[in-house]
């Protein structure tokens, strides 16, 4: 089970998924995380790898609390939350 979750996180963070439905990003848009969002998302990915799902959800909630997220960041955060639940 841990290998599957790790693989999911790797795919999510590599940017292979599209942005959330209705997002207005074009293929040329930058798919990088801001440091304010990237730090808790990175911590969440590490917690998922360690099967610490409660901490991962807490980290993802912190990332969602950042007011200036891109649609891409929001999409990845929600996808990661779905993989934990």
Protein backbone atom coordinates (compact mmCIF):
# COMPACT_ATOMS: atom_id res chain seq x y z
CA UNK A 1 0.00 0.00 0.00
CA UNK A 2 2.86 2.43 0.79
CA UNK A 3 4.39 2.00 -2.67
CA UNK A 4 1.09 2.85 -4.31
CA UNK A 5 0.63 6.00 -2.20
CA UNK A 6 4.23 7.04 -2.89
CA UNK A 7 3.67 6.57 -6.60
CA UNK A 8 0.51 8.63 -6.48
CA UNK A 9 2.31 11.48 -4.75
CA UNK A 10 5.16 11.34 -7.25
CA UNK A 11 2.72 11.58 -10.16
CA UNK A 12 0.76 14.39 -8.51
CA UNK A 13 3.83 16.44 -7.79
CA UNK A 14 5.26 15.90 -11.25
CA UNK A 15 2.37 17.86 -12.73
CA UNK A 16 0.95 15.14 -14.96
CA UNK A 17 -2.62 15.82 -13.87
CA UNK A 18 -4.67 18.68 -15.23
CA UNK A 19 -5.79 21.58 -13.09
CA UNK A 20 -9.15 21.55 -11.36
CA UNK A 21 -12.20 21.67 -13.63
CA UNK A 22 -13.03 25.20 -14.61
CA UNK A 23 -9.50 26.45 -14.00
CA UNK A 24 -8.32 28.87 -16.64
CA UNK A 25 -4.74 27.70 -17.03
CA UNK A 26 -3.19 27.25 -20.42
CA UNK A 27 -0.55 24.62 -21.18
CA UNK A 28 2.12 27.33 -21.02
CA UNK A 29 1.26 28.32 -17.43
CA UNK A 30 3.90 27.70 -14.83
CA UNK A 31 3.31 24.62 -12.74
CA UNK A 32 5.53 25.53 -9.80
CA UNK A 33 4.53 25.88 -6.19
CA UNK A 34 5.06 29.08 -4.26
CA UNK A 35 7.13 28.58 -1.13
CA UNK A 36 4.09 29.33 1.06
CA UNK A 37 2.19 26.43 -0.49
CA UNK A 38 5.12 24.21 -1.44
CA UNK A 39 6.49 23.79 2.07
CA UNK A 40 3.34 22.27 3.61
CA UNK A 41 2.68 20.21 0.46
CA UNK A 42 6.21 18.83 0.61
CA UNK A 43 5.78 18.05 4.31
CA UNK A 44 2.47 16.33 3.51
CA UNK A 45 4.13 14.21 0.81
CA UNK A 46 6.79 13.12 3.30
CA UNK A 47 4.15 12.29 5.91
CA UNK A 48 2.25 10.23 3.35
CA UNK A 49 5.43 8.31 2.52
CA UNK A 50 5.77 7.58 6.25
CA UNK A 51 2.09 6.53 6.52
CA UNK A 52 1.41 9.44 8.88
CA UNK A 53 -1.88 10.38 7.29
CA UNK A 54 -3.24 12.59 10.08
CA UNK A 55 -0.15 14.82 9.88
CA UNK A 56 -0.41 14.84 6.07
CA UNK A 57 -4.00 16.07 6.25
CA UNK A 58 -2.96 18.76 8.71
CA UNK A 59 -0.19 19.90 6.35
CA UNK A 60 -2.59 19.97 3.41
CA UNK A 61 -5.06 22.03 5.45
CA UNK A 62 -2.25 24.50 6.10
CA UNK A 63 -1.57 24.68 2.37
CA UNK A 64 -5.26 25.34 1.68
CA UNK A 65 -5.20 28.18 4.22
CA UNK A 66 -2.79 30.13 1.99
CA UNK A 67 -5.00 32.73 0.34
CA UNK A 68 -3.03 33.21 -2.87
CA UNK A 69 -2.93 29.72 -4.35
CA UNK A 70 -2.89 29.03 -8.06
CA UNK A 71 -5.53 26.71 -9.54
CA UNK A 72 -2.75 24.18 -10.12
CA UNK A 73 -1.67 24.26 -6.46
CA UNK A 74 -5.26 23.89 -5.31
CA UNK A 75 -5.82 20.95 -7.65
CA UNK A 76 -2.74 19.09 -6.43
CA UNK A 77 -3.65 19.70 -2.78
CA UNK A 78 -7.16 18.30 -3.30
CA UNK A 79 -5.79 15.31 -5.20
CA UNK A 80 -3.36 14.59 -2.38
CA UNK A 81 -6.17 14.86 0.18
CA UNK A 82 -8.16 12.35 -1.85
CA UNK A 83 -5.26 9.91 -1.88
CA UNK A 84 -5.04 10.09 1.93
CA UNK A 85 -8.75 9.64 2.58
